Amino acid sequence: EESGVRVGKVDYLTSQPWPFPASLMLGCRGEALTEEITIDPA
């Protein structure tokens, strides 16, 4: 949605509580299948 890049394999890395105001950031690693970028300006 944000970049137009397609992603294949996804692995979990780690997490971080983010109290602004109350999120849990789930850090992941993904392998891009494409590289052309088309951003969503919003």
PDB file of all heavy atoms in Angstrom:
ATOM      1  N   GLU A   1       0.818  -1.213   0.000  1.00  0.00           N
ATOM      2  CA  GLU A   1       0.000   0.000   0.000  1.00  0.00           C
ATOM      3  C   GLU A   1       0.852   1.263   0.000  1.00  0.00           C
ATOM      4  O   GLU A   1       0.526   2.245  -0.682  1.00  0.00           O
ATOM      5  CB  GLU A   1      -0.932   0.018   1.213  1.00  0.00           C
ATOM      6  CG  GLU A   1      -2.083  -0.976   1.132  1.00  0.00           C
ATOM      7  CD  GLU A   1      -2.966  -0.965   2.369  1.00  0.00           C
ATOM      8  OE1 GLU A   1      -2.619  -0.261   3.358  1.00  0.00           O
ATOM      9  OE2 GLU A   1      -3.991  -1.657   2.367  1.00  0.00           O
ATOM     10  N   GLU A   2       1.929   1.256   0.761  1.00  0.00           N
ATOM     11  CA  GLU A   2       2.733   2.468   0.911  1.00  0.00           C
ATOM     12  C   GLU A   2       3.756   2.652  -0.208  1.00  0.00           C
ATOM     13  O   GLU A   2       4.062   3.790  -0.584  1.00  0.00           O
ATOM     14  CB  GLU A   2       3.446   2.455   2.262  1.00  0.00           C
ATOM     15  CG  GLU A   2       2.496   2.544   3.449  1.00  0.00           C
ATOM     16  CD  GLU A   2       3.220   2.700   4.771  1.00  0.00           C
ATOM     17  OE1 GLU A   2       4.475   2.702   4.774  1.00  0.00           O
ATOM     18  OE2 GLU A   2       2.546   2.831   5.807  1.00  0.00           O
ATOM     19  N   SER A   3       4.298   1.541  -0.720  1.00  0.00           N
ATOM     20  CA  SER A   3       5.404   1.673  -1.673  1.00  0.00           C
ATOM     21  C   SER A   3       5.194   0.966  -3.005  1.00  0.00           C
ATOM     22  O   SER A   3       5.980   1.163  -3.934  1.00  0.00           O
ATOM     23  CB  SER A   3       6.690   1.127  -1.038  1.00  0.00           C
ATOM     24  OG  SER A   3       6.605  -0.293  -0.916  1.00  0.00           O
ATOM     25  N   GLY A   4       4.173   0.101  -3.094  1.00  0.00           N
ATOM     26  CA  GLY A   4       3.967  -0.664  -4.318  1.00  0.00           C
ATOM     27  C   GLY A   4       4.870  -1.867  -4.455  1.00  0.00           C
ATOM     28  O   GLY A   4       4.827  -2.575  -5.467  1.00  0.00           O
ATOM     29  N   VAL A   5       5.696  -2.157  -3.457  1.00  0.00           N
ATOM     30  CA  VAL A   5       6.632  -3.284  -3.489  1.00  0.00           C
ATOM     31  C   VAL A   5       5.938  -4.539  -2.966  1.00  0.00           C
ATOM     32  O   VAL A   5       5.293  -4.501  -1.904  1.00  0.00           O
ATOM     33  CB  VAL A   5       7.894  -2.971  -2.664  1.00  0.00           C
ATOM     34  CG1 VAL A   5       8.778  -4.206  -2.549  1.00  0.00           C
ATOM     35  CG2 VAL A   5       8.667  -1.816  -3.291  1.00  0.00           C
ATOM     36  N   ARG A   6       6.077  -5.645  -3.697  1.00  0.00           N
ATOM     37  CA  ARG A   6       5.521  -6.922  -3.266  1.00  0.00           C
ATOM     38  C   ARG A   6       6.527  -7.654  -2.373  1.00  0.00           C
ATOM     39  O   ARG A   6       7.726  -7.657  -2.655  1.00  0.00           O
ATOM     40  CB  ARG A   6       5.202  -7.797  -4.472  1.00  0.00           C
ATOM     41  CG  ARG A   6       4.099  -7.259  -5.375  1.00  0.00           C
ATOM     42  CD  ARG A   6       2.737  -7.439  -4.743  1.00  0.00           C
ATOM     43  NE  ARG A   6       1.654  -7.051  -5.644  1.00  0.00           N
ATOM     44  CZ  ARG A   6       0.367  -7.072  -5.310  1.00  0.00           C
ATOM     45  NH1 ARG A   6       0.001  -7.473  -4.088  1.00  0.00           N
ATOM     46  NH2 ARG A   6      -0.558  -6.693  -6.169  1.00  0.00           N
ATOM     47  N   VAL A   7       6.018  -8.278  -1.304  1.00  0.00           N
ATOM     48  CA  VAL A   7       6.873  -8.964  -0.333  1.00  0.00           C
ATOM     49  C   VAL A   7       6.503 -10.439  -0.279  1.00  0.00           C
ATOM     50  O   VAL A   7       5.329 -10.799  -0.276  1.00  0.00           O
ATOM     51  CB  VAL A   7       6.730  -8.333   1.072  1.00  0.00           C
ATOM     52  CG1 VAL A   7       7.515  -9.127   2.110  1.00  0.00           C
ATOM     53  CG2 VAL A   7       7.178  -6.886   1.045  1.00  0.00           C
ATOM     54  N   GLY A   8       7.517 -11.292  -0.222  1.00  0.00           N
ATOM     55  CA  GLY A   8       7.302 -12.729  -0.120  1.00  0.00           C
ATOM     56  C   GLY A   8       7.447 -13.219   1.301  1.00  0.00           C
ATOM     57  O   GLY A   8       6.600 -12.969   2.158  1.00  0.00           O
ATOM     58  N   LYS A   9       8.569 -13.888   1.593  1.00  0.00           N
ATOM     59  CA  LYS A   9       8.782 -14.479   2.909  1.00  0.00           C
ATOM     60  C   LYS A   9       8.876 -13.401   3.988  1.00  0.00           C
ATOM     61  O   LYS A   9       9.534 -12.374   3.806  1.00  0.00           O
ATOM     62  CB  LYS A   9      10.072 -15.298   2.902  1.00  0.00           C
ATOM     63  CG  LYS A   9      10.372 -15.999   4.221  1.00  0.00           C
ATOM     64  CD  LYS A   9      11.691 -16.741   4.163  1.00  0.00           C
ATOM     65  CE  LYS A   9      12.017 -17.397   5.496  1.00  0.00           C
ATOM     66  NZ  LYS A   9      13.336 -18.071   5.485  1.00  0.00           N
ATOM     67  N   VAL A  10       8.224 -13.648   5.123  1.00  0.00           N
ATOM     68  CA  VAL A  10       8.236 -12.720   6.261  1.00  0.00           C
ATOM     69  C   VAL A  10       8.637 -13.486   7.517  1.00  0.00           C
ATOM     70  O   VAL A  10       8.106 -14.566   7.789  1.00  0.00           O
ATOM     71  CB  VAL A  10       6.856 -12.064   6.479  1.00  0.00           C
ATOM     72  CG1 VAL A  10       6.846 -11.227   7.753  1.00  0.00           C
ATOM     73  CG2 VAL A  10       6.479 -11.207   5.271  1.00  0.00           C
ATOM     74  N   ASP A  11       9.579 -12.947   8.275  1.00  0.00           N
ATOM     75  CA  ASP A  11      10.002 -13.543   9.545  1.00  0.00           C
ATOM     76  C   ASP A  11       9.870 -12.508  10.665  1.00  0.00           C
ATOM     77  O   ASP A  11      10.104 -11.320  10.447  1.00  0.00           O
ATOM     78  CB  ASP A  11      11.463 -14.000   9.484  1.00  0.00           C
ATOM     79  CG  ASP A  11      11.673 -15.129   8.495  1.00  0.00           C
ATOM     80  OD1 ASP A  11      10.907 -16.106   8.552  1.00  0.00           O
ATOM     81  OD2 ASP A  11      12.600 -15.022   7.661  1.00  0.00           O
ATOM     82  N   TYR A  12       9.523 -12.998  11.835  1.00  0.00           N
ATOM     83  CA  TYR A  12       9.465 -12.138  13.025  1.00  0.00           C
ATOM     84  C   TYR A  12      10.862 -11.950  13.583  1.00  0.00           C
ATOM     85  O   TYR A  12      11.663 -12.889  13.640  1.00  0.00           O
ATOM     86  CB  TYR A  12       8.551 -12.770  14.076  1.00  0.00           C
ATOM     87  CG  TYR A  12       8.605 -12.098  15.431  1.00  0.00           C
ATOM     88  CD1 TYR A  12       7.939 -10.896  15.653  1.00  0.00           C
ATOM     89  CD2 TYR A  12       9.337 -12.668  16.473  1.00  0.00           C
ATOM     90  CE1 TYR A  12       8.005 -10.281  16.894  1.00  0.00           C
ATOM     91  CE2 TYR A  12       9.400 -12.060  17.714  1.00  0.00           C
ATOM     92  CZ  TYR A  12       8.732 -10.869  17.920  1.00  0.00           C
ATOM     93  OH  TYR A  12       8.807 -10.255  19.150  1.00  0.00           O
ATOM     94  N   LEU A  13      11.175 -10.733  14.038  1.00  0.00           N
ATOM     95  CA  LEU A  13      12.473 -10.441  14.632  1.00  0.00           C
ATOM     96  C   LEU A  13      12.374 -10.185  16.135  1.00  0.00           C
ATOM     97  O   LEU A  13      12.926 -10.915  16.945  1.00  0.00           O
ATOM     98  CB  LEU A  13      13.099  -9.218  13.952  1.00  0.00           C
ATOM     99  CG  LEU A  13      13.518  -9.390  12.501  1.00  0.00           C
ATOM    100  CD1 LEU A  13      13.967  -8.055  11.911  1.00  0.00           C
ATOM    101  CD2 LEU A  13      14.646 -10.428  12.380  1.00  0.00           C
ATOM    102  N   THR A  14      11.686  -9.117  16.514  1.00  0.00           N
ATOM    103  CA  THR A  14      11.580  -8.738  17.918  1.00  0.00           C
ATOM    104  C   THR A  14      10.447  -7.725  18.066  1.00  0.00           C
ATOM    105  O   THR A  14       9.812  -7.351  17.075  1.00  0.00           O
ATOM    106  CB  THR A  14      12.902  -8.141  18.425  1.00  0.00           C
ATOM    107  OG1 THR A  14      12.837  -7.968  19.845  1.00  0.00           O
ATOM    108  CG2 THR A  14      13.202  -6.794  17.770  1.00  0.00           C
ATOM    109  N   SER A  15      10.195  -7.284  19.288  1.00  0.00           N
ATOM    110  CA  SER A  15       9.108  -6.331  19.509  1.00  0.00           C
ATOM    111  C   SER A  15       9.562  -5.227  20.453  1.00  0.00           C
ATOM    112  O   SER A  15      10.555  -5.367  21.176  1.00  0.00           O
ATOM    113  CB  SER A  15       7.875  -7.034  20.094  1.00  0.00           C
ATOM    114  OG  SER A  15       8.165  -7.606  21.358  1.00  0.00           O
ATOM    115  N   GLN A  16       8.811  -4.131  20.427  1.00  0.00           N
ATOM    116  CA  GLN A  16       9.099  -3.005  21.311  1.00  0.00           C
ATOM    117  C   GLN A  16       7.793  -2.362  21.775  1.00  0.00           C
ATOM    118  O   GLN A  16       7.003  -1.909  20.944  1.00  0.00           O
ATOM    119  CB  GLN A  16       9.942  -1.938  20.604  1.00  0.00           C
ATOM    120  CG  GLN A  16      10.264  -0.739  21.511  1.00  0.00           C
ATOM    121  CD  GLN A  16      11.001   0.365  20.771  1.00  0.00           C
ATOM    122  OE1 GLN A  16      10.656   0.721  19.653  1.00  0.00           O
ATOM    123  NE2 GLN A  16      12.032   0.921  21.410  1.00  0.00           N
ATOM    124  N   PRO A  17       7.552  -2.305  23.089  1.00  0.00           N
ATOM    125  CA  PRO A  17       6.427  -1.495  23.569  1.00  0.00           C
ATOM    126  C   PRO A  17       6.686  -0.040  23.189  1.00  0.00           C
ATOM    127  O   PRO A  17       7.802   0.461  23.365  1.00  0.00           O
ATOM    128  CB  PRO A  17       6.467  -1.687  25.090  1.00  0.00           C
ATOM    129  CG  PRO A  17       7.322  -2.890  25.310  1.00  0.00           C
ATOM    130  CD  PRO A  17       8.301  -2.928  24.186  1.00  0.00           C
ATOM    131  N   TRP A  18       5.669   0.623  22.686  1.00  0.00           N
ATOM    132  CA  TRP A  18       5.832   2.004  22.221  1.00  0.00           C
ATOM    133  C   TRP A  18       4.698   2.828  22.833  1.00  0.00           C
ATOM    134  O   TRP A  18       3.575   2.830  22.323  1.00  0.00           O
ATOM    135  CB  TRP A  18       5.809   2.045  20.687  1.00  0.00           C
ATOM    136  CG  TRP A  18       6.237   3.345  20.088  1.00  0.00           C
ATOM    137  CD1 TRP A  18       5.461   4.213  19.368  1.00  0.00           C
ATOM    138  CD2 TRP A  18       7.548   3.934  20.121  1.00  0.00           C
ATOM    139  NE1 TRP A  18       6.208   5.294  18.952  1.00  0.00           N
ATOM    140  CE2 TRP A  18       7.481   5.145  19.402  1.00  0.00           C
ATOM    141  CE3 TRP A  18       8.760   3.544  20.701  1.00  0.00           C
ATOM    142  CZ2 TRP A  18       8.593   5.981  19.247  1.00  0.00           C
ATOM    143  CZ3 TRP A  18       9.858   4.369  20.537  1.00  0.00           C
ATOM    144  CH2 TRP A  18       9.767   5.572  19.823  1.00  0.00           C
ATOM    145  N   PRO A  19       4.958   3.513  23.932  1.00  0.00           N
ATOM    146  CA  PRO A  19       3.883   4.152  24.708  1.00  0.00           C
ATOM    147  C   PRO A  19       3.454   5.520  24.187  1.00  0.00           C
ATOM    148  O   PRO A  19       3.326   6.473  24.944  1.00  0.00           O
ATOM    149  CB  PRO A  19       4.518   4.262  26.093  1.00  0.00           C
ATOM    150  CG  PRO A  19       5.972   4.489  25.805  1.00  0.00           C
ATOM    151  CD  PRO A  19       6.268   3.657  24.580  1.00  0.00           C
ATOM    152  N   PHE A  20       3.238   5.632  22.861  1.00  0.00           N
ATOM    153  CA  PHE A  20       2.886   6.918  22.262  1.00  0.00           C
ATOM    154  C   PHE A  20       1.673   6.781  21.345  1.00  0.00           C
ATOM    155  O   PHE A  20       1.778   6.967  20.142  1.00  0.00           O
ATOM    156  CB  PHE A  20       4.094   7.485  21.505  1.00  0.00           C
ATOM    157  CG  PHE A  20       5.343   7.573  22.329  1.00  0.00           C
ATOM    158  CD1 PHE A  20       6.384   6.691  22.127  1.00  0.00           C
ATOM    159  CD2 PHE A  20       5.472   8.537  23.326  1.00  0.00           C
ATOM    160  CE1 PHE A  20       7.537   6.762  22.892  1.00  0.00           C
ATOM    161  CE2 PHE A  20       6.618   8.606  24.101  1.00  0.00           C
ATOM    162  CZ  PHE A  20       7.656   7.721  23.880  1.00  0.00           C
ATOM    163  N   PRO A  21       0.471   6.479  21.856  1.00  0.00           N
ATOM    164  CA  PRO A  21       0.172   6.341  23.279  1.00  0.00           C
ATOM    165  C   PRO A  21       0.303   4.919  23.820  1.00  0.00           C
ATOM    166  O   PRO A  21       0.665   4.742  24.963  1.00  0.00           O
ATOM    167  CB  PRO A  21      -1.277   6.816  23.383  1.00  0.00           C
ATOM    168  CG  PRO A  21      -1.873   6.443  22.072  1.00  0.00           C
ATOM    169  CD  PRO A  21      -0.767   6.599  21.052  1.00  0.00           C
ATOM    170  N   ALA A  22       0.004   3.881  22.997  1.00  0.00           N
ATOM    171  CA  ALA A  22       0.049   2.521  23.548  1.00  0.00           C
ATOM    172  C   ALA A  22       0.064   1.504  22.418  1.00  0.00           C
ATOM    173  O   ALA A  22      -0.953   0.897  22.100  1.00  0.00           O
ATOM    174  CB  ALA A  22      -1.137   2.271  24.471  1.00  0.00           C
ATOM    175  N   SER A  23       1.223   1.319  21.803  1.00  0.00           N
ATOM    176  CA  SER A  23       1.357   0.367  20.708  1.00  0.00           C
ATOM    177  C   SER A  23       2.398  -0.689  21.059  1.00  0.00           C
ATOM    178  O   SER A  23       3.239  -0.484  21.928  1.00  0.00           O
ATOM    179  CB  SER A  23       1.786   1.074  19.412  1.00  0.00           C
ATOM    180  OG  SER A  23       0.831   2.026  19.008  1.00  0.00           O
ATOM    181  N   LEU A  24       2.326  -1.806  20.353  1.00  0.00           N
ATOM    182  CA  LEU A  24       3.375  -2.820  20.423  1.00  0.00           C
ATOM    183  C   LEU A  24       3.931  -2.952  19.013  1.00  0.00           C
ATOM    184  O   LEU A  24       3.243  -3.411  18.100  1.00  0.00           O
ATOM    185  CB  LEU A  24       2.833  -4.156  20.912  1.00  0.00           C
ATOM    186  CG  LEU A  24       3.876  -5.285  20.999  1.00  0.00           C
ATOM    187  CD1 LEU A  24       4.960  -4.946  22.015  1.00  0.00           C
ATOM    188  CD2 LEU A  24       3.213  -6.617  21.344  1.00  0.00           C
ATOM    189  N   MET A  25       5.183  -2.520  18.835  1.00  0.00           N
ATOM    190  CA  MET A  25       5.824  -2.576  17.531  1.00  0.00           C
ATOM    191  C   MET A  25       6.382  -3.975  17.310  1.00  0.00           C
ATOM    192  O   MET A  25       7.230  -4.445  18.081  1.00  0.00           O
ATOM    193  CB  MET A  25       6.953  -1.556  17.437  1.00  0.00           C
ATOM    194  CG  MET A  25       6.569  -0.145  17.822  1.00  0.00           C
ATOM    195  SD  MET A  25       5.333   0.589  16.742  1.00  0.00           S
ATOM    196  CE  MET A  25       6.273   0.780  15.234  1.00  0.00           C
ATOM    197  N   LEU A  26       5.886  -4.662  16.273  1.00  0.00           N
ATOM    198  CA  LEU A  26       6.312  -6.016  15.958  1.00  0.00           C
ATOM    199  C   LEU A  26       7.302  -5.944  14.801  1.00  0.00           C
ATOM    200  O   LEU A  26       6.927  -5.735  13.643  1.00  0.00           O
ATOM    201  CB  LEU A  26       5.101  -6.875  15.585  1.00  0.00           C
ATOM    202  CG  LEU A  26       4.038  -6.990  16.684  1.00  0.00           C
ATOM    203  CD1 LEU A  26       2.787  -7.664  16.152  1.00  0.00           C
ATOM    204  CD2 LEU A  26       4.583  -7.736  17.886  1.00  0.00           C
ATOM    205  N   GLY A  27       8.574  -6.072  15.136  1.00  0.00           N
ATOM    206  CA  GLY A  27       9.620  -5.950  14.134  1.00  0.00           C
ATOM    207  C   GLY A  27       9.740  -7.212  13.302  1.00  0.00           C
ATOM    208  O   GLY A  27       9.879  -8.309  13.836  1.00  0.00           O
ATOM    209  N   CYS A  28       9.690  -7.057  11.974  1.00  0.00           N
ATOM    210  CA  CYS A  28       9.736  -8.193  11.065  1.00  0.00           C
ATOM    211  C   CYS A  28      10.759  -7.951   9.959  1.00  0.00           C
ATOM    212  O   CYS A  28      11.157  -6.814   9.695  1.00  0.00           O
ATOM    213  CB  CYS A  28       8.361  -8.426  10.428  1.00  0.00           C
ATOM    214  SG  CYS A  28       7.066  -8.834  11.612  1.00  0.00           S
ATOM    215  N   ARG A  29      11.152  -9.043   9.319  1.00  0.00           N
ATOM    216  CA  ARG A  29      12.042  -8.981   8.170  1.00  0.00           C
ATOM    217  C   ARG A  29      11.290  -9.590   6.991  1.00  0.00           C
ATOM    218  O   ARG A  29      10.713 -10.669   7.098  1.00  0.00           O
ATOM    219  CB  ARG A  29      13.324  -9.755   8.454  1.00  0.00           C
ATOM    220  CG  ARG A  29      14.230  -9.942   7.252  1.00  0.00           C
ATOM    221  CD  ARG A  29      15.578 -10.520   7.649  1.00  0.00           C
ATOM    222  NE  ARG A  29      15.446 -11.687   8.514  1.00  0.00           N
ATOM    223  CZ  ARG A  29      16.478 -12.285   9.109  1.00  0.00           C
ATOM    224  NH1 ARG A  29      17.696 -11.804   8.965  1.00  0.00           N
ATOM    225  NH2 ARG A  29      16.291 -13.345   9.866  1.00  0.00           N
ATOM    226  N   GLY A  30      11.305  -8.908   5.844  1.00  0.00           N
ATOM    227  CA  GLY A  30      10.619  -9.406   4.667  1.00  0.00           C
ATOM    228  C   GLY A  30      11.508  -9.344   3.440  1.00  0.00           C
ATOM    229  O   GLY A  30      12.351  -8.451   3.317  1.00  0.00           O
ATOM    230  N   GLU A  31      11.312 -10.304   2.540  1.00  0.00           N
ATOM    231  CA  GLU A  31      12.071 -10.356   1.295  1.00  0.00           C
ATOM    232  C   GLU A  31      11.230  -9.779   0.168  1.00  0.00           C
ATOM    233  O   GLU A  31      10.133 -10.276  -0.127  1.00  0.00           O
ATOM    234  CB  GLU A  31      12.468 -11.798   0.978  1.00  0.00           C
ATOM    235  CG  GLU A  31      13.383 -12.420   2.016  1.00  0.00           C
ATOM    236  CD  GLU A  31      13.719 -13.864   1.701  1.00  0.00           C
ATOM    237  OE1 GLU A  31      13.251 -14.353   0.646  1.00  0.00           O
ATOM    238  OE2 GLU A  31      14.430 -14.498   2.501  1.00  0.00           O
ATOM    239  N   ALA A  32      11.734  -8.740  -0.466  1.00  0.00           N
ATOM    240  CA  ALA A  32      11.009  -8.093  -1.560  1.00  0.00           C
ATOM    241  C   ALA A  32      11.041  -8.964  -2.808  1.00  0.00           C
ATOM    242  O   ALA A  32      12.081  -9.523  -3.165  1.00  0.00           O
ATOM    243  CB  ALA A  32      11.612  -6.732  -1.853  1.00  0.00           C
ATOM    244  N   LEU A  33       9.882  -9.083  -3.462  1.00  0.00           N
ATOM    245  CA  LEU A  33       9.795  -9.820  -4.713  1.00  0.00           C
ATOM    246  C   LEU A  33       9.913  -8.895  -5.912  1.00  0.00           C
ATOM    247  O   LEU A  33      10.243  -9.342  -7.015  1.00  0.00           O
ATOM    248  CB  LEU A  33       8.462 -10.585  -4.772  1.00  0.00           C
ATOM    249  CG  LEU A  33       8.212 -11.597  -3.659  1.00  0.00           C
ATOM    250  CD1 LEU A  33       6.825 -12.199  -3.794  1.00  0.00           C
ATOM    251  CD2 LEU A  33       9.279 -12.691  -3.668  1.00  0.00           C
ATOM    252  N   THR A  34       9.612  -7.625  -5.693  1.00  0.00           N
ATOM    253  CA  THR A  34       9.714  -6.620  -6.748  1.00  0.00           C
ATOM    254  C   THR A  34      10.479  -5.430  -6.193  1.00  0.00           C
ATOM    255  O   THR A  34      10.675  -5.304  -4.983  1.00  0.00           O
ATOM    256  CB  THR A  34       8.322  -6.160  -7.211  1.00  0.00           C
ATOM    257  OG1 THR A  34       7.620  -5.558  -6.103  1.00  0.00           O
ATOM    258  CG2 THR A  34       7.501  -7.336  -7.735  1.00  0.00           C
ATOM    259  N   GLU A  35      10.904  -4.527  -7.069  1.00  0.00           N
ATOM    260  CA  GLU A  35      11.663  -3.378  -6.592  1.00  0.00           C
ATOM    261  C   GLU A  35      11.145  -2.036  -7.078  1.00  0.00           C
ATOM    262  O   GLU A  35      11.551  -1.001  -6.559  1.00  0.00           O
ATOM    263  CB  GLU A  35      13.132  -3.515  -6.965  1.00  0.00           C
ATOM    264  CG  GLU A  35      13.419  -3.631  -8.439  1.00  0.00           C
ATOM    265  CD  GLU A  35      14.908  -3.843  -8.700  1.00  0.00           C
ATOM    266  OE1 GLU A  35      15.419  -4.931  -8.380  1.00  0.00           O
ATOM    267  OE2 GLU A  35      15.537  -2.897  -9.206  1.00  0.00           O
ATOM    268  N   GLU A  36      10.251  -2.031  -8.038  1.00  0.00           N
ATOM    269  CA  GLU A  36       9.704  -0.761  -8.516  1.00  0.00           C
ATOM    270  C   GLU A  36       8.865  -0.114  -7.419  1.00  0.00           C
ATOM    271  O   GLU A  36       8.019  -0.773  -6.798  1.00  0.00           O
ATOM    272  CB  GLU A  36       8.862  -0.966  -9.768  1.00  0.00           C
ATOM    273  CG  GLU A  36       8.321   0.339 -10.338  1.00  0.00           C
ATOM    274  CD  GLU A  36       7.511   0.138 -11.596  1.00  0.00           C
ATOM    275  OE1 GLU A  36       7.486  -1.003 -12.119  1.00  0.00           O
ATOM    276  OE2 GLU A  36       6.900   1.121 -12.053  1.00  0.00           O
ATOM    277  N   ILE A  37       9.076   1.168  -7.175  1.00  0.00           N
ATOM    278  CA  ILE A  37       8.401   1.884  -6.093  1.00  0.00           C
ATOM    279  C   ILE A  37       7.327   2.800  -6.662  1.00  0.00           C
ATOM    280  O   ILE A  37       7.578   3.585  -7.581  1.00  0.00           O
ATOM    281  CB  ILE A  37       9.413   2.702  -5.268  1.00  0.00           C
ATOM    282  CG1 ILE A  37      10.378   1.772  -4.525  1.00  0.00           C
ATOM    283  CG2 ILE A  37       8.695   3.628  -4.288  1.00  0.00           C
ATOM    284  CD1 ILE A  37      11.491   2.492  -3.803  1.00  0.00           C
ATOM    285  N   THR A  38       6.131   2.672  -6.096  1.00  0.00           N
ATOM    286  CA  THR A  38       5.028   3.591  -6.394  1.00  0.00           C
ATOM    287  C   THR A  38       4.421   3.986  -5.059  1.00  0.00           C
ATOM    288  O   THR A  38       3.689   3.203  -4.443  1.00  0.00           O
ATOM    289  CB  THR A  38       3.956   2.937  -7.278  1.00  0.00           C
ATOM    290  OG1 THR A  38       4.565   2.443  -8.477  1.00  0.00           O
ATOM    291  CG2 THR A  38       2.877   3.956  -7.639  1.00  0.00           C
ATOM    292  N   ILE A  39       4.745   5.168  -4.568  1.00  0.00           N
ATOM    293  CA  ILE A  39       4.332   5.533  -3.211  1.00  0.00           C
ATOM    294  C   ILE A  39       2.871   5.966  -3.160  1.00  0.00           C
ATOM    295  O   ILE A  39       2.303   6.430  -4.157  1.00  0.00           O
ATOM    296  CB  ILE A  39       5.215   6.654  -2.624  1.00  0.00           C
ATOM    297  CG1 ILE A  39       5.029   7.976  -3.395  1.00  0.00           C
ATOM    298  CG2 ILE A  39       6.662   6.244  -2.564  1.00  0.00           C
ATOM    299  CD1 ILE A  39       5.605   9.166  -2.664  1.00  0.00           C
ATOM    300  N   ASP A  40       2.302   5.805  -1.981  1.00  0.00           N
ATOM    301  CA  ASP A  40       1.002   6.391  -1.665  1.00  0.00           C
ATOM    302  C   ASP A  40       1.285   7.733  -1.010  1.00  0.00           C
ATOM    303  O   ASP A  40       1.764   7.779   0.131  1.00  0.00           O
ATOM    304  CB  ASP A  40       0.233   5.478  -0.710  1.00  0.00           C
ATOM    305  CG  ASP A  40      -1.107   6.068  -0.281  1.00  0.00           C
ATOM    306  OD1 ASP A  40      -1.426   7.202  -0.689  1.00  0.00           O
ATOM    307  OD2 ASP A  40      -1.817   5.396   0.491  1.00  0.00           O
ATOM    308  N   PRO A  41       1.010   8.857  -1.680  1.00  0.00           N
ATOM    309  CA  PRO A  41       1.362  10.166  -1.117  1.00  0.00           C
ATOM    310  C   PRO A  41       0.618  10.506   0.169  1.00  0.00           C
ATOM    311  O   PRO A  41       1.037  11.402   0.894  1.00  0.00           O
ATOM    312  CB  PRO A  41       1.012  11.137  -2.251  1.00  0.00           C
ATOM    313  CG  PRO A  41       0.019  10.405  -3.103  1.00  0.00           C
ATOM    314  CD  PRO A  41       0.395   8.962  -3.011  1.00  0.00           C
ATOM    315  N   ALA A  42      -0.464   9.791   0.452  1.00  0.00           N
ATOM    316  CA  ALA A  42      -1.166  10.026   1.719  1.00  0.00           C
ATOM    317  C   ALA A  42      -0.405   9.405   2.888  1.00  0.00           C
ATOM    318  O   ALA A  42      -0.641   9.759   4.045  1.00  0.00           O
ATOM    319  CB  ALA A  42      -2.580   9.453   1.653  1.00  0.00           C
TER     320      ALA A  42
END
